[in-house]
Amino acid sequence: MFLPILCFFSLILSSSHAADFCVGDLAAPQGPAGFSCKKAEKVTINDFVFSGLGKAGNTSNIIKAAVTPAFVSQFPGLNGLGLSLARLDLDKGGVIPMHTHPAASEVLLVTQGEICAGFISSANAVYFKTLVKGDIMIFPRGLLHFQLNGGGVPAIAFVSFSDPQPGLQILDYALFGNDLPTELVTGTTFLDEAQVKKLKAVLGGTG
């Protein structure tokens, strides 16, 4: 009786050890479940440390904002752990436009300035508030949400996602930053042709 029990616990312990982590092998193809695991002998401490969020992103762009990701592609130690991070830099008047993360919920922590942030539920209820340093806000998975710097100084926030690859779709670019024909955009948004063409020109769309 003792030997089978010993074997059982040995199997549990060995399985637990094998599942401690799965550092992504970024040189291998990525599948629906993420990257395959790097061989244990090739794993180093650097796979579990990422220093890229300490530097401000470049906000010299149309939205006056920057997102610096720490997703599995930049931080392979996240592979399989169900989380990732990013840094948001918003200059005065900067905005992270209305967007969704299809694969993840999001938690935002403001560390500098003021950020008006909000989301829209599937019932079209709107939830928004101006956040200050130390405030935290949750954005449920898949819902449209935004962040806007409404203060007089640059704002900084850090976000955590519930998936190593949260995905991203920005509403403005989905409508006006591609080759979706203008007549289809006008027919589905109630915007007139001149407005659609203007927005396509701004966001790089055609059609």
C-alpha atoms as a PDB file:
ATOM      1  CA  MET A   1       0.000   0.000   0.000  1.00  0.00           C
ATOM      2  CA  PHE A   2       2.834   2.359   0.888  1.00  0.00           C
ATOM      3  CA  LEU A   3       4.604   2.046  -2.485  1.00  0.00           C
ATOM      4  CA  PRO A   4       1.594   3.061  -4.646  1.00  0.00           C
ATOM      5  CA  ILE A   5       0.975   6.093  -2.405  1.00  0.00           C
ATOM      6  CA  LEU A   6       4.642   7.096  -2.652  1.00  0.00           C
ATOM      7  CA  CYS A   7       4.525   6.789  -6.439  1.00  0.00           C
ATOM      8  CA  PHE A   8       1.330   8.863  -6.554  1.00  0.00           C
ATOM      9  CA  PHE A   9       2.834  11.731  -4.566  1.00  0.00           C
ATOM     10  CA  SER A  10       6.045  11.554  -6.591  1.00  0.00           C
ATOM     11  CA  LEU A  11       3.982  11.980  -9.763  1.00  0.00           C
ATOM     12  CA  ILE A  12       2.116  14.969  -8.305  1.00  0.00           C
ATOM     13  CA  LEU A  13       5.323  16.664  -7.219  1.00  0.00           C
ATOM     14  CA  SER A  14       7.052  16.104 -10.545  1.00  0.00           C
ATOM     15  CA  SER A  15       3.996  17.379 -12.463  1.00  0.00           C
ATOM     16  CA  SER A  16       3.804  20.458 -10.248  1.00  0.00           C
ATOM     17  CA  HIS A  17       7.461  21.225 -10.841  1.00  0.00           C
ATOM     18  CA  ALA A  18       7.064  20.836 -14.601  1.00  0.00           C
ATOM     19  CA  ALA A  19       4.169  23.320 -14.587  1.00  0.00           C
ATOM     20  CA  ASP A  20       5.918  26.034 -12.566  1.00  0.00           C
ATOM     21  CA  PHE A  21       6.327  28.159 -15.699  1.00  0.00           C
ATOM     22  CA  CYS A  22       6.554  27.991 -19.468  1.00  0.00           C
ATOM     23  CA  VAL A  23       8.879  30.713 -20.697  1.00  0.00           C
ATOM     24  CA  GLY A  24       7.875  31.414 -24.274  1.00  0.00           C
ATOM     25  CA  ASP A  25      10.202  30.319 -27.038  1.00  0.00           C
ATOM     26  CA  LEU A  26       9.809  33.385 -29.249  1.00  0.00           C
ATOM     27  CA  ALA A  27      11.726  31.679 -32.052  1.00  0.00           C
ATOM     28  CA  ALA A  28       9.009  29.027 -32.333  1.00  0.00           C
ATOM     29  CA  PRO A  29       5.600  29.475 -33.977  1.00  0.00           C
ATOM     30  CA  GLN A  30       2.840  30.884 -31.786  1.00  0.00           C
ATOM     31  CA  GLY A  31      -0.341  28.841 -31.400  1.00  0.00           C
ATOM     32  CA  PRO A  32      -3.765  29.592 -29.883  1.00  0.00           C
ATOM     33  CA  ALA A  33      -2.441  28.702 -26.419  1.00  0.00           C
ATOM     34  CA  GLY A  34       0.665  30.870 -26.790  1.00  0.00           C
ATOM     35  CA  PHE A  35       4.280  30.019 -27.478  1.00  0.00           C
ATOM     36  CA  SER A  36       5.808  26.632 -26.829  1.00  0.00           C
ATOM     37  CA  CYS A  37       8.079  26.409 -23.790  1.00  0.00           C
ATOM     38  CA  LYS A  38      11.743  27.262 -23.964  1.00  0.00           C
ATOM     39  CA  LYS A  39      13.964  24.367 -22.921  1.00  0.00           C
ATOM     40  CA  ALA A  40      14.624  24.508 -19.175  1.00  0.00           C
ATOM     41  CA  GLU A  41      18.392  24.666 -19.606  1.00  0.00           C
ATOM     42  CA  LYS A  42      18.013  27.822 -21.721  1.00  0.00           C
ATOM     43  CA  VAL A  43      15.821  29.692 -19.208  1.00  0.00           C
ATOM     44  CA  THR A  44      17.596  32.525 -17.343  1.00  0.00           C
ATOM     45  CA  ILE A  45      16.636  35.176 -14.821  1.00  0.00           C
ATOM     46  CA  ASN A  46      16.347  37.657 -17.694  1.00  0.00           C
ATOM     47  CA  ASP A  47      13.272  35.795 -18.915  1.00  0.00           C
ATOM     48  CA  PHE A  48      11.501  36.900 -15.733  1.00  0.00           C
ATOM     49  CA  VAL A  49      12.644  40.545 -15.688  1.00  0.00           C
ATOM     50  CA  PHE A  50      11.508  43.354 -18.017  1.00  0.00           C
ATOM     51  CA  SER A  51      12.888  46.897 -17.789  1.00  0.00           C
ATOM     52  CA  GLY A  52      11.003  48.523 -20.644  1.00  0.00           C
ATOM     53  CA  LEU A  53       8.336  50.328 -18.631  1.00  0.00           C
ATOM     54  CA  GLY A  54      10.702  52.738 -16.907  1.00  0.00           C
ATOM     55  CA  LYS A  55      11.031  55.015 -19.929  1.00  0.00           C
ATOM     56  CA  ALA A  56       8.349  57.348 -21.285  1.00  0.00           C
ATOM     57  CA  GLY A  57       6.874  56.521 -24.681  1.00  0.00           C
ATOM     58  CA  ASN A  58       6.891  58.899 -27.640  1.00  0.00           C
ATOM     59  CA  THR A  59       3.733  61.030 -27.542  1.00  0.00           C
ATOM     60  CA  SER A  60       4.558  63.047 -30.677  1.00  0.00           C
ATOM     61  CA  ASN A  61       1.647  61.662 -32.697  1.00  0.00           C
ATOM     62  CA  ILE A  62      -1.970  62.373 -33.579  1.00  0.00           C
ATOM     63  CA  ILE A  63      -3.331  61.078 -30.251  1.00  0.00           C
ATOM     64  CA  LYS A  64      -0.563  62.642 -28.134  1.00  0.00           C
ATOM     65  CA  ALA A  65      -0.184  59.355 -26.313  1.00  0.00           C
ATOM     66  CA  ALA A  66       1.964  56.241 -26.234  1.00  0.00           C
ATOM     67  CA  VAL A  67       1.488  52.670 -25.065  1.00  0.00           C
ATOM     68  CA  THR A  68       4.581  50.681 -24.098  1.00  0.00           C
ATOM     69  CA  PRO A  69       3.652  46.988 -23.895  1.00  0.00           C
ATOM     70  CA  ALA A  70       5.061  44.251 -21.717  1.00  0.00           C
ATOM     71  CA  PHE A  71       3.250  41.422 -23.470  1.00  0.00           C
ATOM     72  CA  VAL A  72       4.597  37.932 -24.009  1.00  0.00           C
ATOM     73  CA  SER A  73       6.312  39.040 -27.236  1.00  0.00           C
ATOM     74  CA  GLN A  74       8.427  41.480 -25.216  1.00  0.00           C
ATOM     75  CA  PHE A  75       8.430  39.564 -21.909  1.00  0.00           C
ATOM     76  CA  PRO A  76       8.540  35.795 -22.600  1.00  0.00           C
ATOM     77  CA  GLY A  77       8.332  34.867 -18.925  1.00  0.00           C
ATOM     78  CA  LEU A  78       4.626  35.832 -19.049  1.00  0.00           C
ATOM     79  CA  ASN A  79       3.836  32.949 -21.393  1.00  0.00           C
ATOM     80  CA  GLY A  80       1.057  30.811 -19.964  1.00  0.00           C
ATOM     81  CA  LEU A  81       0.648  32.870 -16.776  1.00  0.00           C
ATOM     82  CA  GLY A  82      -2.516  34.725 -17.823  1.00  0.00           C
ATOM     83  CA  LEU A  83      -1.270  38.276 -17.346  1.00  0.00           C
ATOM     84  CA  SER A  84       0.632  41.142 -18.986  1.00  0.00           C
ATOM     85  CA  LEU A  85       1.299  44.837 -18.435  1.00  0.00           C
ATOM     86  CA  ALA A  86       1.754  48.127 -20.260  1.00  0.00           C
ATOM     87  CA  ARG A  87       2.653  51.747 -19.604  1.00  0.00           C
ATOM     88  CA  LEU A  88       0.461  54.617 -20.800  1.00  0.00           C
ATOM     89  CA  ASP A  89       1.917  58.077 -21.414  1.00  0.00           C
ATOM     90  CA  LEU A  90      -0.573  60.833 -22.236  1.00  0.00           C
ATOM     91  CA  ASP A  91       0.647  64.327 -23.014  1.00  0.00           C
ATOM     92  CA  LYS A  92      -1.637  67.287 -22.296  1.00  0.00           C
ATOM     93  CA  GLY A  93      -4.765  66.623 -24.347  1.00  0.00           C
ATOM     94  CA  GLY A  94      -3.616  63.088 -25.102  1.00  0.00           C
ATOM     95  CA  VAL A  95      -6.097  60.285 -25.584  1.00  0.00           C
ATOM     96  CA  ILE A  96      -6.189  56.518 -25.889  1.00  0.00           C
ATOM     97  CA  PRO A  97      -9.191  56.357 -28.257  1.00  0.00           C
ATOM     98  CA  MET A  98     -12.215  54.131 -27.785  1.00  0.00           C
ATOM     99  CA  HIS A  99     -10.964  50.542 -28.080  1.00  0.00           C
ATOM    100  CA  THR A 100     -11.415  46.978 -26.882  1.00  0.00           C
ATOM    101  CA  HIS A 101      -9.221  44.102 -25.740  1.00  0.00           C
ATOM    102  CA  PRO A 102     -10.954  40.944 -27.016  1.00  0.00           C
ATOM    103  CA  ALA A 103      -8.906  38.579 -24.859  1.00  0.00           C
ATOM    104  CA  ALA A 104      -8.511  40.360 -21.532  1.00  0.00           C
ATOM    105  CA  SER A 105      -9.896  42.476 -18.730  1.00  0.00           C
ATOM    106  CA  GLU A 106      -7.768  45.455 -17.685  1.00  0.00           C
ATOM    107  CA  VAL A 107      -6.797  47.166 -14.426  1.00  0.00           C
ATOM    108  CA  LEU A 108      -5.401  50.715 -14.657  1.00  0.00           C
ATOM    109  CA  LEU A 109      -3.329  52.499 -11.997  1.00  0.00           C
ATOM    110  CA  VAL A 110      -2.672  56.240 -12.366  1.00  0.00           C
ATOM    111  CA  THR A 111       0.771  57.294 -11.148  1.00  0.00           C
ATOM    112  CA  GLN A 112       0.906  60.893 -12.427  1.00  0.00           C
ATOM    113  CA  GLY A 113      -1.587  63.544 -13.495  1.00  0.00           C
ATOM    114  CA  GLU A 114      -5.314  63.170 -14.133  1.00  0.00           C
ATOM    115  CA  ILE A 115      -6.963  60.734 -16.523  1.00  0.00           C
ATOM    116  CA  CYS A 116     -10.636  60.671 -17.425  1.00  0.00           C
ATOM    117  CA  ALA A 117     -11.331  56.998 -18.074  1.00  0.00           C
ATOM    118  CA  GLY A 118     -14.478  55.078 -18.825  1.00  0.00           C
ATOM    119  CA  PHE A 119     -16.156  52.149 -20.530  1.00  0.00           C
ATOM    120  CA  ILE A 120     -19.488  51.321 -22.171  1.00  0.00           C
ATOM    121  CA  SER A 121     -21.347  48.160 -21.207  1.00  0.00           C
ATOM    122  CA  SER A 122     -23.062  45.840 -23.676  1.00  0.00           C
ATOM    123  CA  ALA A 123     -26.318  47.493 -22.550  1.00  0.00           C
ATOM    124  CA  ASN A 124     -24.832  50.870 -23.621  1.00  0.00           C
ATOM    125  CA  ALA A 125     -24.547  52.101 -20.032  1.00  0.00           C
ATOM    126  CA  VAL A 126     -21.625  54.512 -19.626  1.00  0.00           C
ATOM    127  CA  TYR A 127     -19.247  54.461 -16.653  1.00  0.00           C
ATOM    128  CA  PHE A 128     -16.527  57.117 -16.440  1.00  0.00           C
ATOM    129  CA  LYS A 129     -14.599  59.101 -13.875  1.00  0.00           C
ATOM    130  CA  THR A 130     -11.605  61.397 -13.598  1.00  0.00           C
ATOM    131  CA  LEU A 131      -8.822  59.467 -11.895  1.00  0.00           C
ATOM    132  CA  VAL A 132      -5.882  60.949 -10.001  1.00  0.00           C
ATOM    133  CA  LYS A 133      -2.601  59.562  -8.720  1.00  0.00           C
ATOM    134  CA  GLY A 134      -3.168  56.322  -6.840  1.00  0.00           C
ATOM    135  CA  ASP A 135      -6.629  55.629  -8.300  1.00  0.00           C
ATOM    136  CA  ILE A 136      -7.347  52.256  -9.877  1.00  0.00           C
ATOM    137  CA  MET A 137     -10.066  51.416 -12.414  1.00  0.00           C
ATOM    138  CA  ILE A 138     -11.234  48.131 -13.938  1.00  0.00           C
ATOM    139  CA  PHE A 139     -12.266  47.659 -17.580  1.00  0.00           C
ATOM    140  CA  PRO A 140     -14.119  44.366 -18.170  1.00  0.00           C
ATOM    141  CA  ARG A 141     -13.025  42.150 -21.025  1.00  0.00           C
ATOM    142  CA  GLY A 142     -14.177  43.072 -24.516  1.00  0.00           C
ATOM    143  CA  LEU A 143     -15.951  46.334 -23.633  1.00  0.00           C
ATOM    144  CA  LEU A 144     -15.276  49.624 -25.402  1.00  0.00           C
ATOM    145  CA  HIS A 145     -13.222  51.937 -23.190  1.00  0.00           C
ATOM    146  CA  PHE A 146     -10.964  54.996 -23.321  1.00  0.00           C
ATOM    147  CA  GLN A 147      -8.468  57.131 -21.392  1.00  0.00           C
ATOM    148  CA  LEU A 148      -8.175  60.919 -21.809  1.00  0.00           C
ATOM    149  CA  ASN A 149      -5.734  63.328 -20.167  1.00  0.00           C
ATOM    150  CA  GLY A 150      -7.968  66.115 -18.923  1.00  0.00           C
ATOM    151  CA  GLY A 151      -5.342  67.736 -16.698  1.00  0.00           C
ATOM    152  CA  GLY A 152      -2.727  70.375 -17.320  1.00  0.00           C
ATOM    153  CA  VAL A 153       0.332  68.123 -17.077  1.00  0.00           C
ATOM    154  CA  PRO A 154       1.430  64.882 -18.761  1.00  0.00           C
ATOM    155  CA  ALA A 155      -0.211  61.824 -17.244  1.00  0.00           C
ATOM    156  CA  ILE A 156       1.193  58.339 -16.641  1.00  0.00           C
ATOM    157  CA  ALA A 157      -0.597  55.105 -15.862  1.00  0.00           C
ATOM    158  CA  PHE A 158       0.287  51.440 -15.702  1.00  0.00           C
ATOM    159  CA  VAL A 159      -2.143  48.743 -16.747  1.00  0.00           C
ATOM    160  CA  SER A 160      -2.360  45.026 -16.124  1.00  0.00           C
ATOM    161  CA  PHE A 161      -4.217  42.596 -18.379  1.00  0.00           C
ATOM    162  CA  SER A 162      -5.637  39.151 -17.640  1.00  0.00           C
ATOM    163  CA  ASP A 163      -3.929  37.617 -20.673  1.00  0.00           C
ATOM    164  CA  PRO A 164      -0.333  37.684 -21.984  1.00  0.00           C
ATOM    165  CA  GLN A 165      -1.724  38.749 -25.384  1.00  0.00           C
ATOM    166  CA  PRO A 166      -4.803  40.912 -24.653  1.00  0.00           C
ATOM    167  CA  GLY A 167      -5.430  41.921 -28.260  1.00  0.00           C
ATOM    168  CA  LEU A 168      -6.442  45.400 -29.386  1.00  0.00           C
ATOM    169  CA  GLN A 169      -8.998  46.938 -31.721  1.00  0.00           C
ATOM    170  CA  ILE A 170      -9.286  50.738 -31.901  1.00  0.00           C
ATOM    171  CA  LEU A 171     -12.761  51.808 -33.021  1.00  0.00           C
ATOM    172  CA  ASP A 172     -11.665  54.845 -35.038  1.00  0.00           C
ATOM    173  CA  TYR A 173      -9.097  52.862 -37.006  1.00  0.00           C
ATOM    174  CA  ALA A 174     -11.527  49.980 -37.505  1.00  0.00           C
ATOM    175  CA  LEU A 175     -13.933  52.374 -39.215  1.00  0.00           C
ATOM    176  CA  PHE A 176     -11.651  54.885 -40.923  1.00  0.00           C
ATOM    177  CA  GLY A 177      -8.106  53.506 -40.981  1.00  0.00           C
ATOM    178  CA  ASN A 178      -8.577  50.777 -43.595  1.00  0.00           C
ATOM    179  CA  ASP A 179     -10.089  50.202 -47.050  1.00  0.00           C
ATOM    180  CA  LEU A 180     -13.718  49.743 -45.959  1.00  0.00           C
ATOM    181  CA  PRO A 181     -15.628  51.562 -48.737  1.00  0.00           C
ATOM    182  CA  THR A 182     -16.951  54.996 -47.821  1.00  0.00           C
ATOM    183  CA  GLU A 183     -20.503  54.091 -48.835  1.00  0.00           C
ATOM    184  CA  LEU A 184     -20.511  51.196 -46.370  1.00  0.00           C
ATOM    185  CA  VAL A 185     -19.226  53.414 -43.580  1.00  0.00           C
ATOM    186  CA  THR A 186     -21.866  56.072 -44.272  1.00  0.00           C
ATOM    187  CA  GLY A 187     -24.565  53.427 -44.489  1.00  0.00           C
ATOM    188  CA  THR A 188     -23.680  51.846 -41.148  1.00  0.00           C
ATOM    189  CA  THR A 189     -22.743  54.914 -39.082  1.00  0.00           C
ATOM    190  CA  PHE A 190     -25.151  57.658 -40.300  1.00  0.00           C
ATOM    191  CA  LEU A 191     -22.154  59.927 -40.983  1.00  0.00           C
ATOM    192  CA  ASP A 192     -22.157  61.859 -44.229  1.00  0.00           C
ATOM    193  CA  GLU A 193     -19.664  61.184 -47.017  1.00  0.00           C
ATOM    194  CA  ALA A 194     -17.605  64.330 -46.383  1.00  0.00           C
ATOM    195  CA  GLN A 195     -17.094  63.414 -42.719  1.00  0.00           C
ATOM    196  CA  VAL A 196     -16.059  59.862 -43.570  1.00  0.00           C
ATOM    197  CA  LYS A 197     -13.580  60.963 -46.232  1.00  0.00           C
ATOM    198  CA  LYS A 198     -12.101  63.532 -43.834  1.00  0.00           C
ATOM    199  CA  LEU A 199     -11.602  60.922 -41.132  1.00  0.00           C
ATOM    200  CA  LYS A 200     -10.144  58.425 -43.623  1.00  0.00           C
ATOM    201  CA  ALA A 201      -7.660  61.055 -44.737  1.00  0.00           C
ATOM    202  CA  VAL A 202      -6.629  61.744 -41.124  1.00  0.00           C
ATOM    203  CA  LEU A 203      -6.304  58.073 -40.132  1.00  0.00           C
ATOM    204  CA  GLY A 204      -4.782  56.721 -43.344  1.00  0.00           C
ATOM    205  CA  GLY A 205      -7.807  54.927 -44.732  1.00  0.00           C
ATOM    206  CA  THR A 206      -8.753  54.479 -48.371  1.00  0.00           C
ATOM    207  CA  GLY A 207     -11.897  53.546 -50.296  1.00  0.00           C
END
